[in-house]
């Protein structure tokens, strides 16, 4: 359908702080509070953190700025942004919209698990540190055909309720509440964790690098974590960038957002790993860390139920700040390209995404015999396609588009507001977006496909 959107009437962020919090919130999600501590635990702790931080500055900043520049220049959704500059590249933006659509369908299911565990914590369900019992409790819940869908619906309704309010009145308004609250609760949880007996071993593990642990595998893991943590290649930052005013400082924002994201990830590591070491658990536990290992830790803490509730509440906040950006990618596309009202687009898409998430939930229980892709269950299959295929391909093609199709001169002109904002790293950024970033993403993509 024709694009009937009038850019002069496009919603915009109300303030620089609001945009930074919303964009950082998009990046901060389960990848920070779940995947970062787990990946750090599996890749040498401090060595991984050091490599992660270096790659974040190089690749994370590069792609973040590329997406914001493209979005602000076109003032359109992910698909429309590519189409406005080169019509035959519209399908690349479509990959981002599709990735956001698919990711939110199973992300909401996991968000529902988090809501359930909030209630489990406050009602005293974490009464034992027996991993077999806690693993059985988690398995029984997620394999139930009905109960997880109820919490999946609650999570989608919360996401819908925020996005339907628009950019300024919905996403920005709640980002200003959720992100500071997330930070405060994260600090409180961290303070409790680092003051436990034996917690210093966990702190050293996370912050003191053992350079002998830096291997090719660690480099690849850190690169993958940066890419997926910042939600790059799925159109979120293009969409958020489209709501920026023409006087916004994109280079500055492109540095701040990844740094905030990394700060939250480090806080998550300090909130989780010292407690894990304190009670003698394995820091490389894997995905069970969030729903099995940590409840075991909380069961041995004074006021463990309260701290468990606070922890899962902050995980919920982090999940919501990401889910609203995932839904907004899809909503912006429908509003821009189909000329539909935000209210209709948000409600319709949320309903469809909820329905699409049902197989991911049932695939862990009554449909566990269904393995649509590479022996994976339905949820993991959707995750693999979105995270290991659509996002890396989208990020790679973004680099090619900016560096070789649209042109670096045009991109830098947009980034510097026609030369009115100094950007001393223009040459460095140009080299990264044209050569280094696409090669790095290609490596992650191949690793993900072959793993």
Protein backbone atom coordinates (compact mmCIF):
# COMPACT_ATOMS: atom_id res chain seq x y z
CA UNK A 1 0.00 0.00 0.00
CA UNK A 2 1.11 3.54 -0.54
CA UNK A 3 2.75 5.40 2.29
CA UNK A 4 0.23 8.02 3.34
CA UNK A 5 2.07 9.11 6.45
CA UNK A 6 2.59 12.84 6.84
CA UNK A 7 6.05 13.28 8.33
CA UNK A 8 5.33 16.81 9.54
CA UNK A 9 2.76 15.38 11.95
CA UNK A 10 4.92 12.50 13.15
CA UNK A 11 5.08 12.02 16.90
CA UNK A 12 8.40 12.97 18.52
CA UNK A 13 10.21 12.40 21.78
CA UNK A 14 9.40 15.06 24.35
CA UNK A 15 12.94 15.33 25.71
CA UNK A 16 16.49 14.09 25.22
CA UNK A 17 16.38 12.24 28.56
CA UNK A 18 13.13 10.55 27.60
CA UNK A 19 14.61 9.30 24.33
CA UNK A 20 17.82 8.06 25.99
CA UNK A 21 15.83 6.16 28.65
CA UNK A 22 13.47 4.66 26.07
CA UNK A 23 16.28 3.64 23.71
CA UNK A 24 18.39 2.27 26.56
CA UNK A 25 15.30 0.45 27.79
CA UNK A 26 14.92 -1.15 24.38
CA UNK A 27 18.48 -2.45 24.67
CA UNK A 28 18.13 -3.44 28.34
CA UNK A 29 16.11 -6.63 28.60
CA UNK A 30 16.34 -10.30 29.41
CA UNK A 31 19.62 -10.32 27.46
CA UNK A 32 21.17 -8.21 30.23
CA UNK A 33 19.60 -9.78 33.30
CA UNK A 34 19.71 -13.36 32.08
CA UNK A 35 22.06 -13.91 29.19
CA UNK A 36 24.89 -11.56 30.25
CA UNK A 37 25.63 -13.17 33.67
CA UNK A 38 25.25 -16.64 32.14
CA UNK A 39 27.53 -15.87 29.16
CA UNK A 40 30.07 -14.20 31.45
CA UNK A 41 29.97 -17.26 33.71
CA UNK A 42 30.57 -19.58 30.77
CA UNK A 43 33.41 -17.51 29.28
CA UNK A 44 35.80 -16.68 32.06
CA UNK A 45 34.08 -13.82 33.89
CA UNK A 46 36.35 -10.77 33.85
CA UNK A 47 38.03 -11.76 30.58
CA UNK A 48 34.64 -11.85 28.88
CA UNK A 49 33.59 -8.50 30.40
CA UNK A 50 36.77 -6.82 29.14
CA UNK A 51 36.32 -8.12 25.59
CA UNK A 52 32.59 -7.35 25.68
CA UNK A 53 33.23 -3.74 26.65
CA UNK A 54 35.81 -3.26 23.88
CA UNK A 55 33.51 -4.72 21.22
CA UNK A 56 30.59 -2.68 22.53
CA UNK A 57 32.49 0.56 21.91
CA UNK A 58 33.58 -0.54 18.45
CA UNK A 59 30.69 -2.46 16.90
CA UNK A 60 27.82 -1.47 19.22
CA UNK A 61 28.37 2.25 18.79
CA UNK A 62 28.82 1.85 15.03
CA UNK A 63 25.52 0.04 14.40
CA UNK A 64 23.58 2.08 16.95
CA UNK A 65 24.48 5.29 15.16
CA UNK A 66 23.77 3.80 11.73
CA UNK A 67 20.22 2.85 12.73
CA UNK A 68 19.49 6.19 14.43
CA UNK A 69 20.81 8.13 11.43
CA UNK A 70 18.69 6.15 8.99
CA UNK A 71 15.56 6.54 11.11
CA UNK A 72 15.97 10.26 11.79
CA UNK A 73 16.77 11.04 8.14
CA UNK A 74 13.68 9.31 6.76
CA UNK A 75 11.27 9.83 9.69
CA UNK A 76 9.79 6.44 8.85
CA UNK A 77 9.53 2.87 10.14
CA UNK A 78 12.21 0.25 9.45
CA UNK A 79 10.80 -0.85 6.10
CA UNK A 80 9.80 2.65 5.01
CA UNK A 81 13.25 4.04 5.84
CA UNK A 82 15.00 1.77 3.36
CA UNK A 83 12.23 2.20 0.78
CA UNK A 84 12.42 5.99 0.89
CA UNK A 85 16.11 5.98 -0.05
CA UNK A 86 16.22 2.89 -2.31
CA UNK A 87 12.88 1.29 -3.09
CA UNK A 88 14.42 -2.07 -3.97
CA UNK A 89 15.96 -2.27 -0.47
CA UNK A 90 12.61 -2.12 1.35
CA UNK A 91 12.70 -5.87 2.00
CA UNK A 92 15.75 -5.40 4.24
CA UNK A 93 13.71 -3.22 6.58
CA UNK A 94 10.99 -5.83 6.33
CA UNK A 95 13.39 -8.37 7.84
CA UNK A 96 13.67 -6.14 10.91
CA UNK A 97 9.89 -5.82 11.25
CA UNK A 98 9.51 -9.59 10.91
CA UNK A 99 12.26 -10.18 13.50
CA UNK A 100 10.54 -7.89 16.01
CA UNK A 101 7.21 -9.60 15.36
CA UNK A 102 8.61 -13.10 15.89
CA UNK A 103 10.79 -12.22 18.89
CA UNK A 104 7.93 -10.59 20.79
CA UNK A 105 5.74 -13.68 20.29
CA UNK A 106 8.04 -15.84 22.46
CA UNK A 107 9.53 -12.97 24.49
CA UNK A 108 6.04 -12.36 25.88
CA UNK A 109 5.79 -16.01 26.90
CA UNK A 110 9.02 -15.71 28.90
CA UNK A 111 7.83 -12.37 30.29
CA UNK A 112 4.79 -14.26 31.56
CA UNK A 113 7.08 -16.71 33.35
CA UNK A 114 8.73 -13.76 35.10
CA UNK A 115 5.34 -12.45 36.31
CA UNK A 116 4.49 -15.90 37.67
CA UNK A 117 7.80 -16.07 39.54
CA UNK A 118 7.13 -12.68 41.11
CA UNK A 119 4.05 -14.21 42.72
CA UNK A 120 5.90 -17.40 43.63
CA UNK A 121 8.54 -15.36 45.44
CA UNK A 122 6.12 -13.22 47.45
CA UNK A 123 3.92 -16.20 48.38
CA UNK A 124 6.84 -18.18 49.81
CA UNK A 125 7.32 -20.79 47.07
CA UNK A 126 11.13 -20.56 47.35
CA UNK A 127 11.43 -22.66 50.50
CA UNK A 128 14.24 -24.97 49.48
CA UNK A 129 17.60 -24.81 47.74
CA UNK A 130 17.18 -28.29 46.26
CA UNK A 131 17.81 -27.75 42.52
CA UNK A 132 15.91 -30.93 41.62
CA UNK A 133 12.78 -29.70 43.42
CA UNK A 134 13.06 -26.17 41.97
CA UNK A 135 13.77 -27.54 38.50
CA UNK A 136 10.70 -29.75 38.77
CA UNK A 137 8.59 -26.78 39.90
CA UNK A 138 9.74 -24.72 36.93
CA UNK A 139 9.25 -27.59 34.50
CA UNK A 140 5.74 -28.29 35.80
CA UNK A 141 4.76 -24.64 35.36
CA UNK A 142 6.08 -24.03 31.84
CA UNK A 143 4.71 -27.36 30.57
CA UNK A 144 1.21 -26.63 31.87
CA UNK A 145 -1.00 -26.01 28.80
CA UNK A 146 -3.11 -23.22 30.36
CA UNK A 147 -1.36 -21.37 33.20
CA UNK A 148 1.59 -19.91 31.20
CA UNK A 149 -0.85 -18.59 28.58
CA UNK A 150 -2.64 -16.60 31.29
CA UNK A 151 0.62 -14.86 32.24
CA UNK A 152 1.59 -14.51 28.56
CA UNK A 153 -1.69 -12.57 28.10
CA UNK A 154 -0.96 -10.34 31.11
CA UNK A 155 2.48 -9.47 29.73
CA UNK A 156 1.07 -8.63 26.28
CA UNK A 157 -1.67 -6.47 27.83
CA UNK A 158 0.96 -4.52 29.81
CA UNK A 159 3.00 -4.01 26.64
CA UNK A 160 -0.06 -2.99 24.64
CA UNK A 161 -1.16 -0.55 27.34
CA UNK A 162 2.12 1.35 27.11
CA UNK A 163 2.53 1.40 23.32
CA UNK A 164 -1.06 2.45 22.62
CA UNK A 165 -0.35 5.75 24.40
CA UNK A 166 2.05 6.78 21.62
CA UNK A 167 5.68 7.87 21.67
CA UNK A 168 5.53 10.75 24.15
CA UNK A 169 2.44 9.76 26.14
CA UNK A 170 3.17 6.05 26.26
CA UNK A 171 6.70 4.80 25.57
CA UNK A 172 8.59 7.86 26.85
CA UNK A 173 6.28 8.39 29.83
CA UNK A 174 6.74 4.84 31.11
CA UNK A 175 10.44 4.66 30.23
CA UNK A 176 10.97 7.60 32.62
CA UNK A 177 9.34 5.47 35.35
CA UNK A 178 10.55 1.97 34.51
CA UNK A 179 14.23 2.72 33.85
CA UNK A 180 14.99 4.65 37.09
CA UNK A 181 12.97 2.06 39.05
CA UNK A 182 14.92 -0.72 37.35
CA UNK A 183 18.20 0.96 38.28
CA UNK A 184 17.22 1.48 41.94
CA UNK A 185 16.02 -2.11 42.37
CA UNK A 186 19.12 -3.42 40.61
CA UNK A 187 21.37 -1.47 42.99
CA UNK A 188 19.43 -2.75 46.05
CA UNK A 189 19.69 -6.34 44.84
CA UNK A 190 23.39 -5.88 44.07
CA UNK A 191 24.08 -4.46 47.54
CA UNK A 192 22.41 -7.47 49.13
CA UNK A 193 24.31 -9.87 46.90
CA UNK A 194 27.80 -8.41 47.37
CA UNK A 195 27.41 -8.35 51.18
CA UNK A 196 26.74 -12.10 51.43
CA UNK A 197 29.49 -14.28 52.95
CA UNK A 198 31.90 -15.41 50.24
CA UNK A 199 30.53 -12.95 47.69
CA UNK A 200 33.99 -11.50 47.00
CA UNK A 201 34.86 -14.54 44.89
CA UNK A 202 31.95 -13.71 42.61
CA UNK A 203 33.01 -10.06 42.38
CA UNK A 204 36.57 -11.04 41.47
CA UNK A 205 35.31 -13.56 38.94
CA UNK A 206 33.29 -10.87 37.17
CA UNK A 207 35.63 -7.88 37.39
CA UNK A 208 39.21 -9.23 37.49
CA UNK A 209 40.20 -10.47 34.03
CA UNK A 210 42.36 -13.53 33.53
CA UNK A 211 43.95 -12.67 30.18
CA UNK A 212 44.77 -16.33 29.53
CA UNK A 213 41.00 -16.93 29.25
CA UNK A 214 40.67 -14.66 26.18
CA UNK A 215 40.21 -17.08 23.31
CA UNK A 216 38.54 -17.01 19.91
CA UNK A 217 35.43 -18.52 21.47
CA UNK A 218 35.28 -15.72 24.07
CA UNK A 219 35.64 -13.10 21.34
CA UNK A 220 32.78 -14.62 19.37
CA UNK A 221 30.57 -14.93 22.46
CA UNK A 222 31.19 -11.30 23.39
CA UNK A 223 30.47 -10.12 19.86
CA UNK A 224 27.23 -12.08 19.79
CA UNK A 225 26.17 -10.75 23.20
CA UNK A 226 26.80 -7.12 22.14
CA UNK A 227 24.81 -7.59 18.95
CA UNK A 228 21.79 -9.22 20.55
CA UNK A 229 21.83 -7.19 23.78
CA UNK A 230 21.54 -3.90 21.89
CA UNK A 231 18.64 -5.22 19.76
CA UNK A 232 20.46 -4.30 16.57
CA UNK A 233 19.30 -5.49 13.17
CA UNK A 234 15.60 -5.63 14.08
CA UNK A 235 14.59 -2.06 13.29
CA UNK A 236 14.06 -0.86 16.87
CA UNK A 237 16.63 1.93 16.74
CA UNK A 238 15.58 2.91 13.21
CA UNK A 239 12.02 3.27 14.52
CA UNK A 240 13.05 5.16 17.66
CA UNK A 241 15.39 7.32 15.57
CA UNK A 242 12.46 8.29 13.34
CA UNK A 243 10.90 10.12 16.30
CA UNK A 244 14.02 12.27 16.89
CA UNK A 245 13.95 15.97 16.17
CA UNK A 246 16.35 17.39 13.59
CA UNK A 247 18.47 19.10 16.26
CA UNK A 248 19.14 15.90 18.28
CA UNK A 249 22.78 14.95 18.83
CA UNK A 250 22.94 11.46 17.32
CA UNK A 251 26.69 10.76 17.89
CA UNK A 252 26.31 11.58 21.58
CA UNK A 253 23.21 9.41 21.98
CA UNK A 254 24.91 6.56 20.14
CA UNK A 255 27.61 6.48 22.84
CA UNK A 256 25.32 6.95 25.84
CA UNK A 257 22.79 4.21 25.00
CA UNK A 258 25.32 1.32 24.75
CA UNK A 259 27.08 2.56 27.90
CA UNK A 260 23.81 2.58 29.87
CA UNK A 261 23.06 -0.89 28.53
CA UNK A 262 26.50 -2.12 29.66
CA UNK A 263 26.10 -0.49 33.07
CA UNK A 264 22.85 -2.39 33.63
CA UNK A 265 24.47 -5.63 32.43
CA UNK A 266 27.35 -5.19 34.90
CA UNK A 267 24.90 -4.43 37.71
CA UNK A 268 23.04 -7.63 36.78
CA UNK A 269 26.29 -9.55 36.97
CA UNK A 270 27.06 -8.06 40.40
CA UNK A 271 23.51 -8.79 41.57
CA UNK A 272 23.61 -12.44 40.48
CA UNK A 273 27.15 -13.90 40.39
CA UNK A 274 28.29 -12.98 43.96
CA UNK A 275 25.15 -14.65 45.34
CA UNK A 276 25.76 -17.69 43.15
CA UNK A 277 29.34 -17.99 44.44
CA UNK A 278 28.25 -17.31 48.02
CA UNK A 279 25.98 -20.35 48.05
CA UNK A 280 28.28 -22.58 46.05
CA UNK A 281 26.35 -22.80 42.78
CA UNK A 282 27.81 -23.06 39.29
CA UNK A 283 28.13 -19.64 37.54
CA UNK A 284 27.97 -21.42 34.16
CA UNK A 285 24.60 -23.00 34.97
CA UNK A 286 22.96 -21.77 31.77
CA UNK A 287 19.34 -20.70 31.26
CA UNK A 288 18.29 -22.40 34.51
CA UNK A 289 20.19 -19.68 36.37
CA UNK A 290 17.19 -17.33 36.42
CA UNK A 291 14.39 -19.73 37.32
CA UNK A 292 16.18 -22.49 39.24
CA UNK A 293 19.54 -21.35 40.65
CA UNK A 294 18.43 -17.89 41.82
CA UNK A 295 15.29 -19.14 43.61
CA UNK A 296 17.61 -21.56 45.42
CA UNK A 297 19.80 -18.60 46.42
CA UNK A 298 16.80 -16.59 47.60
CA UNK A 299 15.62 -19.54 49.73
CA UNK A 300 18.84 -19.30 51.77
CA UNK A 301 18.74 -15.52 52.21
CA UNK A 302 17.15 -13.65 55.12
CA UNK A 303 14.01 -12.03 53.66
CA UNK A 304 14.66 -14.15 50.58
CA UNK A 305 11.03 -14.02 49.45
CA UNK A 306 11.09 -10.22 49.48
CA UNK A 307 14.39 -10.03 47.58
CA UNK A 308 13.14 -12.65 45.15
CA UNK A 309 10.03 -10.57 44.47
CA UNK A 310 12.10 -7.40 43.97
CA UNK A 311 14.47 -9.24 41.66
CA UNK A 312 11.75 -10.68 39.44
CA UNK A 313 9.96 -7.32 39.44
CA UNK A 314 13.08 -5.65 38.03
CA UNK A 315 13.39 -8.47 35.47
CA UNK A 316 9.79 -7.70 34.48
CA UNK A 317 10.60 -3.99 34.12
CA UNK A 318 13.60 -4.83 31.94
CA UNK A 319 11.51 -7.18 29.82
CA UNK A 320 8.79 -4.55 29.36
CA UNK A 321 11.21 -1.83 28.23
CA UNK A 322 12.31 -4.20 25.47
CA UNK A 323 8.88 -5.56 24.58
CA UNK A 324 7.45 -2.08 24.00
CA UNK A 325 10.19 -1.38 21.45
CA UNK A 326 9.51 -4.72 19.73
CA UNK A 327 5.81 -3.92 19.45
CA UNK A 328 6.55 -0.34 18.37
CA UNK A 329 8.65 -1.61 15.42
CA UNK A 330 5.56 -3.44 14.14
CA UNK A 331 3.09 -0.66 15.02
CA UNK A 332 5.16 2.02 13.27
CA UNK A 333 5.27 -0.12 10.13
CA UNK A 334 1.48 -0.61 10.05
CA UNK A 335 0.75 3.06 10.88
CA UNK A 336 3.18 4.37 8.24
CA UNK A 337 2.61 1.91 5.43
CA UNK A 338 -1.07 0.97 5.89
CA UNK A 339 -2.31 4.36 7.11
CA UNK A 340 -3.95 2.72 10.15
CA UNK A 341 -4.57 4.51 13.46
CA UNK A 342 -2.15 3.72 16.30
CA UNK A 343 -4.97 2.34 18.46
CA UNK A 344 -6.16 -0.16 15.86
CA UNK A 345 -2.63 -1.13 14.87
CA UNK A 346 -1.52 -1.70 18.46
CA UNK A 347 -4.54 -3.75 19.52
CA UNK A 348 -4.58 -5.80 16.31
CA UNK A 349 -0.87 -6.56 16.35
CA UNK A 350 -0.84 -7.38 20.07
CA UNK A 351 -3.68 -9.86 19.53
CA UNK A 352 -1.94 -11.54 16.57
CA UNK A 353 1.40 -11.70 18.41
CA UNK A 354 -0.31 -13.21 21.47
CA UNK A 355 -1.84 -15.92 19.27
CA UNK A 356 1.50 -16.54 17.57
CA UNK A 357 3.08 -17.03 21.01
CA UNK A 358 0.67 -19.84 21.97
CA UNK A 359 2.55 -22.55 19.99
CA UNK A 360 5.84 -21.44 21.64
CA UNK A 361 4.26 -21.94 25.05
CA UNK A 362 2.55 -25.24 24.22
CA UNK A 363 5.71 -26.48 22.51
CA UNK A 364 7.35 -26.92 25.91
CA UNK A 365 4.48 -29.11 27.15
CA UNK A 366 1.71 -30.81 25.19
CA UNK A 367 3.35 -30.02 21.84
CA UNK A 368 6.88 -30.89 22.95
CA UNK A 369 6.95 -33.70 20.37
CA UNK A 370 6.88 -31.05 17.61
CA UNK A 371 10.35 -30.04 16.45
CA UNK A 372 10.07 -27.75 13.43
CA UNK A 373 13.74 -26.81 13.05
CA UNK A 374 17.07 -28.52 13.77
CA UNK A 375 15.63 -30.65 16.57
CA UNK A 376 14.56 -27.57 18.53
CA UNK A 377 11.20 -27.06 20.19
CA UNK A 378 8.85 -24.43 18.79
CA UNK A 379 10.03 -21.55 21.03
CA UNK A 380 13.71 -22.23 20.39
CA UNK A 381 13.05 -22.63 16.66
CA UNK A 382 11.39 -19.21 16.44
CA UNK A 383 14.21 -17.74 18.55
CA UNK A 384 16.86 -19.28 16.28
CA UNK A 385 15.28 -17.96 13.10
CA UNK A 386 14.83 -14.44 14.50
CA UNK A 387 18.05 -14.12 16.50
CA UNK A 388 20.51 -16.20 14.49
CA UNK A 389 19.24 -15.46 10.98
CA UNK A 390 17.04 -12.35 10.63
CA UNK A 391 18.91 -10.06 13.04
CA UNK A 392 22.48 -10.76 11.85
CA UNK A 393 21.42 -10.60 8.20
CA UNK A 394 19.58 -7.33 8.90
CA UNK A 395 22.61 -5.87 10.69
CA UNK A 396 25.00 -6.95 7.94
CA UNK A 397 22.81 -5.45 5.20
CA UNK A 398 22.42 -2.25 7.24
CA UNK A 399 26.20 -1.81 7.10
CA UNK A 400 26.25 -2.47 3.35
CA UNK A 401 23.36 -0.06 2.80
CA UNK A 402 24.90 2.79 4.82
CA UNK A 403 28.48 2.27 3.66
CA UNK A 404 27.99 1.34 0.03
CA UNK A 405 24.47 2.25 -1.17
CA UNK A 406 23.21 5.39 0.56
CA UNK A 407 26.77 6.63 1.07
CA UNK A 408 28.87 7.69 4.05
CA UNK A 409 28.78 11.34 3.06
CA UNK A 410 24.98 11.43 3.31
CA UNK A 411 25.00 9.51 6.59
CA UNK A 412 27.58 11.79 8.23
CA UNK A 413 25.73 14.87 7.00
CA UNK A 414 22.61 13.59 8.77
CA UNK A 415 24.52 12.58 11.91
CA UNK A 416 26.15 16.02 12.25
CA UNK A 417 22.97 17.98 11.45
CA UNK A 418 24.45 19.35 8.23
CA UNK A 419 27.83 19.92 9.90
CA UNK A 420 26.54 21.88 12.90
CA UNK A 421 27.47 19.16 15.41
CA UNK A 422 31.16 18.19 15.71
CA UNK A 423 31.89 14.53 15.08
CA UNK A 424 35.62 13.90 15.40
CA UNK A 425 35.20 10.16 14.98
CA UNK A 426 33.61 10.44 11.54
CA UNK A 427 36.56 8.77 9.83
CA UNK A 428 36.72 5.97 12.39
CA UNK A 429 32.96 5.38 12.20
CA UNK A 430 33.09 5.31 8.40
CA UNK A 431 35.81 2.65 8.43
CA UNK A 432 33.92 0.58 10.99
CA UNK A 433 30.55 0.67 9.22
CA UNK A 434 32.06 -0.03 5.81
CA UNK A 435 34.52 -2.78 6.68
CA UNK A 436 34.91 -3.96 10.28
CA UNK A 437 31.28 -4.23 11.44
CA UNK A 438 29.96 -6.21 8.44
CA UNK A 439 32.84 -8.68 8.67
CA UNK A 440 32.29 -9.09 12.43
CA UNK A 441 28.55 -9.64 11.94
CA UNK A 442 29.21 -12.15 9.17
CA UNK A 443 31.41 -14.13 11.58
CA UNK A 444 28.65 -14.14 14.23
CA UNK A 445 26.10 -15.19 11.62
CA UNK A 446 28.19 -18.11 10.37
CA UNK A 447 28.94 -19.20 13.95
CA UNK A 448 25.25 -19.06 14.81
CA UNK A 449 24.24 -21.10 11.77
CA UNK A 450 26.95 -23.75 12.28
CA UNK A 451 26.54 -24.07 16.06
